[in-house]
């Protein structure tokens, strides 16, 4: 059961697609409201476990709330998430520049689908990629990075999107960078806010991870995410 689906939502149309980037084709999962006209689009960047069912649930959850959404498999060139036994070390070896380019390709895919505005969100590893994509792309209107490591702070002045950053109160490693990140955003006059969810640790939003999932925090963070996108992508 997907807890991210909107109550009483209309049907969604989800399918596996290819996202073009340079000479490559990334595997990706794409979903949108069934029979929808032009709607805003959201890129979803996966954790350091790759494009797992949880990410498909996030994409479908966004579609059930009126957005088209796409989650690229950043491990496509390595054979794809499903073919790799130990994903984190493989992801850590991929140049950050390639990951950013792949995120931007997903943005272009949504624009090609007729997205009226562009948002982006990512989790853990994907939160860090989200920050870097924000620096690189002025077309993004809104973003929600979840417990992502800081990007190079000298690039924060390039961010034009409205950003809501989510953190778990028990996530000491990532949280050590919050003050520096918020100071950089404020100095650059970027529209932003952040929220630290009590009782939650790293990866608290992943409902398929019993060891880390924190339902109250995850439920509130999802509501906050939808509220942010409703405000800045409408």
Protein backbone atom coordinates (compact mmCIF):
# COMPACT_ATOMS: atom_id res chain seq x y z
CA UNK A 1 0.00 0.00 0.00
CA UNK A 2 1.25 3.45 -0.96
CA UNK A 3 0.67 5.93 1.90
CA UNK A 4 1.55 8.87 -0.36
CA UNK A 5 -1.52 8.62 -2.58
CA UNK A 6 -4.04 11.41 -2.20
CA UNK A 7 -7.32 10.37 -0.59
CA UNK A 8 -10.03 10.13 -3.22
CA UNK A 9 -7.59 11.07 -5.97
CA UNK A 10 -8.30 10.46 -9.62
CA UNK A 11 -6.46 7.64 -11.36
CA UNK A 12 -2.84 8.01 -12.39
CA UNK A 13 -0.96 6.78 -15.42
CA UNK A 14 2.48 5.37 -14.59
CA UNK A 15 4.96 3.86 -17.00
CA UNK A 16 8.64 3.13 -17.48
CA UNK A 17 10.25 5.62 -19.86
CA UNK A 18 13.61 6.64 -21.27
CA UNK A 19 15.18 10.02 -20.48
CA UNK A 20 17.67 11.26 -23.06
CA UNK A 21 20.95 12.73 -21.84
CA UNK A 22 23.82 13.33 -24.24
CA UNK A 23 24.29 9.99 -26.03
CA UNK A 24 22.68 7.92 -23.27
CA UNK A 25 19.14 6.90 -22.37
CA UNK A 26 18.33 6.76 -18.68
CA UNK A 27 15.73 4.33 -17.40
CA UNK A 28 13.08 6.21 -15.45
CA UNK A 29 9.61 5.91 -13.98
CA UNK A 30 7.04 8.53 -15.04
CA UNK A 31 3.50 9.12 -13.80
CA UNK A 32 0.84 11.75 -14.31
CA UNK A 33 -2.84 12.28 -13.52
CA UNK A 34 -4.91 10.18 -15.91
CA UNK A 35 -6.21 12.22 -18.82
CA UNK A 36 -4.55 15.37 -17.53
CA UNK A 37 -3.88 18.47 -19.55
CA UNK A 38 -0.78 20.53 -18.84
CA UNK A 39 0.21 20.33 -15.16
CA UNK A 40 3.36 21.17 -13.17
CA UNK A 41 6.14 18.60 -13.17
CA UNK A 42 8.44 17.31 -10.42
CA UNK A 43 11.74 15.45 -10.79
CA UNK A 44 12.35 12.91 -8.00
CA UNK A 45 15.94 11.90 -7.24
CA UNK A 46 16.46 8.59 -5.50
CA UNK A 47 18.34 7.67 -2.33
CA UNK A 48 21.65 5.83 -2.38
CA UNK A 49 19.71 2.59 -2.92
CA UNK A 50 18.76 3.50 -6.47
CA UNK A 51 15.39 3.50 -8.20
CA UNK A 52 13.58 1.19 -5.77
CA UNK A 53 9.78 0.74 -5.33
CA UNK A 54 9.69 3.51 -2.71
CA UNK A 55 10.65 6.06 -5.36
CA UNK A 56 7.93 4.80 -7.64
CA UNK A 57 5.49 5.34 -4.76
CA UNK A 58 6.70 8.94 -4.43
CA UNK A 59 6.18 9.53 -8.16
CA UNK A 60 2.70 8.01 -8.05
CA UNK A 61 1.92 10.00 -4.92
CA UNK A 62 2.78 13.23 -6.70
CA UNK A 63 0.69 12.22 -9.72
CA UNK A 64 -2.28 11.51 -7.46
CA UNK A 65 -1.95 15.07 -6.20
CA UNK A 66 -2.05 16.63 -9.65
CA UNK A 67 1.58 16.64 -10.83
CA UNK A 68 3.45 14.82 -13.53
CA UNK A 69 6.60 13.34 -12.02
CA UNK A 70 9.64 11.40 -13.14
CA UNK A 71 12.36 9.52 -11.25
CA UNK A 72 15.46 8.66 -13.29
CA UNK A 73 17.65 5.66 -12.47
CA UNK A 74 21.06 7.29 -12.06
CA UNK A 75 22.64 3.84 -12.27
CA UNK A 76 21.39 3.09 -15.79
CA UNK A 77 24.86 3.24 -17.33
CA UNK A 78 26.10 0.78 -14.71
CA UNK A 79 23.39 -1.71 -15.65
CA UNK A 80 20.50 -0.31 -13.64
CA UNK A 81 19.52 -0.50 -9.98
CA UNK A 82 18.01 -3.98 -10.22
CA UNK A 83 21.26 -5.49 -11.55
CA UNK A 84 23.51 -4.18 -8.76
CA UNK A 85 23.86 -6.04 -5.48
CA UNK A 86 25.55 -3.26 -3.48
CA UNK A 87 24.40 0.12 -4.80
CA UNK A 88 25.92 2.77 -2.45
CA UNK A 89 29.60 2.24 -3.37
CA UNK A 90 28.78 2.33 -7.08
CA UNK A 91 26.84 5.58 -6.75
CA UNK A 92 29.66 7.15 -4.74
CA UNK A 93 32.05 6.65 -7.64
CA UNK A 94 29.90 8.51 -10.18
CA UNK A 95 31.14 12.08 -10.83
CA UNK A 96 28.83 14.70 -9.33
CA UNK A 97 28.82 16.52 -12.65
CA UNK A 98 27.25 13.50 -14.36
CA UNK A 99 24.59 13.17 -11.69
CA UNK A 100 23.69 16.85 -12.03
CA UNK A 101 23.48 16.52 -15.81
CA UNK A 102 21.16 13.53 -15.43
CA UNK A 103 18.88 15.53 -13.13
CA UNK A 104 18.78 18.34 -15.68
CA UNK A 105 17.92 15.82 -18.40
CA UNK A 106 14.94 14.72 -16.32
CA UNK A 107 13.86 18.37 -16.15
CA UNK A 108 14.07 18.59 -19.94
CA UNK A 109 11.98 15.41 -20.18
CA UNK A 110 9.19 17.00 -18.13
CA UNK A 111 9.37 20.17 -20.18
CA UNK A 112 8.95 18.00 -23.27
CA UNK A 113 5.84 16.49 -21.69
CA UNK A 114 4.35 19.97 -21.36
CA UNK A 115 5.00 20.66 -17.67
CA UNK A 116 3.83 24.16 -16.84
CA UNK A 117 6.42 24.67 -14.08
CA UNK A 118 9.26 22.54 -12.74
CA UNK A 119 9.91 21.31 -9.22
CA UNK A 120 12.50 18.89 -7.89
CA UNK A 121 12.88 16.81 -4.78
CA UNK A 122 15.34 14.18 -3.61
CA UNK A 123 16.12 11.97 -0.66
CA UNK A 124 19.44 11.37 1.13
CA UNK A 125 21.97 11.03 -1.72
CA UNK A 126 19.26 12.45 -3.96
CA UNK A 127 18.85 15.43 -1.67
CA UNK A 128 22.46 16.33 -2.36
CA UNK A 129 21.89 15.95 -6.10
CA UNK A 130 18.83 18.18 -5.75
CA UNK A 131 20.91 20.97 -4.20
CA UNK A 132 23.42 20.77 -7.06
CA UNK A 133 20.68 20.80 -9.68
CA UNK A 134 19.26 23.95 -8.09
CA UNK A 135 22.60 25.67 -8.52
CA UNK A 136 22.85 24.56 -12.15
CA UNK A 137 19.33 25.18 -13.45
CA UNK A 138 17.36 28.46 -13.37
CA UNK A 139 14.25 26.72 -14.73
CA UNK A 140 13.37 25.15 -11.37
CA UNK A 141 10.58 27.01 -9.56
CA UNK A 142 10.41 24.99 -6.33
CA UNK A 143 12.43 22.32 -4.54
CA UNK A 144 12.19 20.05 -1.51
CA UNK A 145 15.50 18.35 -0.65
CA UNK A 146 15.19 15.74 2.10
CA UNK A 147 18.24 15.35 4.37
CA UNK A 148 20.65 16.13 1.57
CA UNK A 149 24.29 17.05 2.08
CA UNK A 150 25.23 20.64 1.27
CA UNK A 151 26.43 21.56 -2.21
CA UNK A 152 29.44 23.86 -2.71
CA UNK A 153 28.19 26.93 -0.89
CA UNK A 154 29.80 29.36 -3.32
CA UNK A 155 27.19 28.28 -5.88
CA UNK A 156 24.14 28.97 -3.70
CA UNK A 157 23.81 32.49 -5.11
CA UNK A 158 22.76 30.90 -8.41
CA UNK A 159 19.62 29.32 -6.92
CA UNK A 160 16.40 30.89 -8.17
CA UNK A 161 13.89 28.31 -6.88
CA UNK A 162 11.90 28.51 -3.66
CA UNK A 163 13.35 25.84 -1.35
CA UNK A 164 11.87 23.91 1.57
CA UNK A 165 14.52 21.67 3.14
CA UNK A 166 13.54 18.70 5.33
CA UNK A 167 15.72 17.20 8.07
CA UNK A 168 15.35 14.56 10.77
CA UNK A 169 16.16 15.76 14.27
CA UNK A 170 18.30 12.68 14.98
CA UNK A 171 20.32 12.92 11.76
CA UNK A 172 23.47 14.42 13.28
CA UNK A 173 25.77 13.98 10.28
CA UNK A 174 23.61 15.84 7.76
CA UNK A 175 22.28 18.33 10.31
CA UNK A 176 25.79 19.59 11.00
CA UNK A 177 25.51 21.51 7.72
CA UNK A 178 22.12 23.13 8.28
CA UNK A 179 23.34 26.44 9.72
CA UNK A 180 25.85 27.01 6.92
CA UNK A 181 23.27 26.13 4.26
CA UNK A 182 20.58 28.40 5.66
CA UNK A 183 23.06 31.26 6.07
CA UNK A 184 24.14 30.89 2.44
CA UNK A 185 20.53 30.90 1.25
CA UNK A 186 19.74 33.97 3.33
CA UNK A 187 22.83 35.81 2.07
CA UNK A 188 21.78 35.05 -1.51
CA UNK A 189 18.20 36.23 -0.82
CA UNK A 190 16.79 32.86 -1.87
CA UNK A 191 13.19 32.18 -0.83
CA UNK A 192 13.59 29.34 1.61
CA UNK A 193 12.61 27.65 4.82
CA UNK A 194 13.67 24.48 6.56
CA UNK A 195 12.08 22.17 9.06
CA UNK A 196 13.63 19.66 11.45
CA UNK A 197 11.17 16.85 12.20
CA UNK A 198 11.26 15.71 15.82
CA UNK A 199 11.97 12.08 16.63
CA UNK A 200 13.08 11.32 13.07
CA UNK A 201 16.45 10.17 11.81
CA UNK A 202 18.01 9.90 8.39
CA UNK A 203 15.74 8.46 5.66
CA UNK A 204 12.68 8.87 7.89
CA UNK A 205 10.37 9.36 4.91
CA UNK A 206 10.98 5.92 3.36
CA UNK A 207 7.93 3.84 4.31
CA UNK A 208 9.54 0.68 2.94
CA UNK A 209 12.46 0.91 5.39
CA UNK A 210 11.09 -0.36 8.72
CA UNK A 211 14.28 0.51 10.59
CA UNK A 212 14.20 4.18 9.59
CA UNK A 213 10.60 5.08 8.78
CA UNK A 214 9.04 7.54 11.22
CA UNK A 215 5.38 7.76 10.31
CA UNK A 216 4.40 11.01 12.11
CA UNK A 217 7.38 12.89 10.67
CA UNK A 218 6.94 11.36 7.23
CA UNK A 219 3.25 12.24 7.12
CA UNK A 220 3.90 15.83 8.14
CA UNK A 221 6.84 16.21 5.77
CA UNK A 222 4.75 14.94 2.86
CA UNK A 223 2.00 17.42 3.71
CA UNK A 224 4.60 20.20 3.91
CA UNK A 225 6.04 19.12 0.56
CA UNK A 226 2.66 19.22 -1.14
CA UNK A 227 1.91 22.58 0.44
CA UNK A 228 5.21 24.00 -0.83
CA UNK A 229 4.64 22.74 -4.35
CA UNK A 230 1.05 23.99 -4.33
CA UNK A 231 2.31 27.45 -3.41
CA UNK A 232 5.21 27.71 -5.85
CA UNK A 233 4.23 25.48 -8.77
CA UNK A 234 0.55 26.42 -9.12
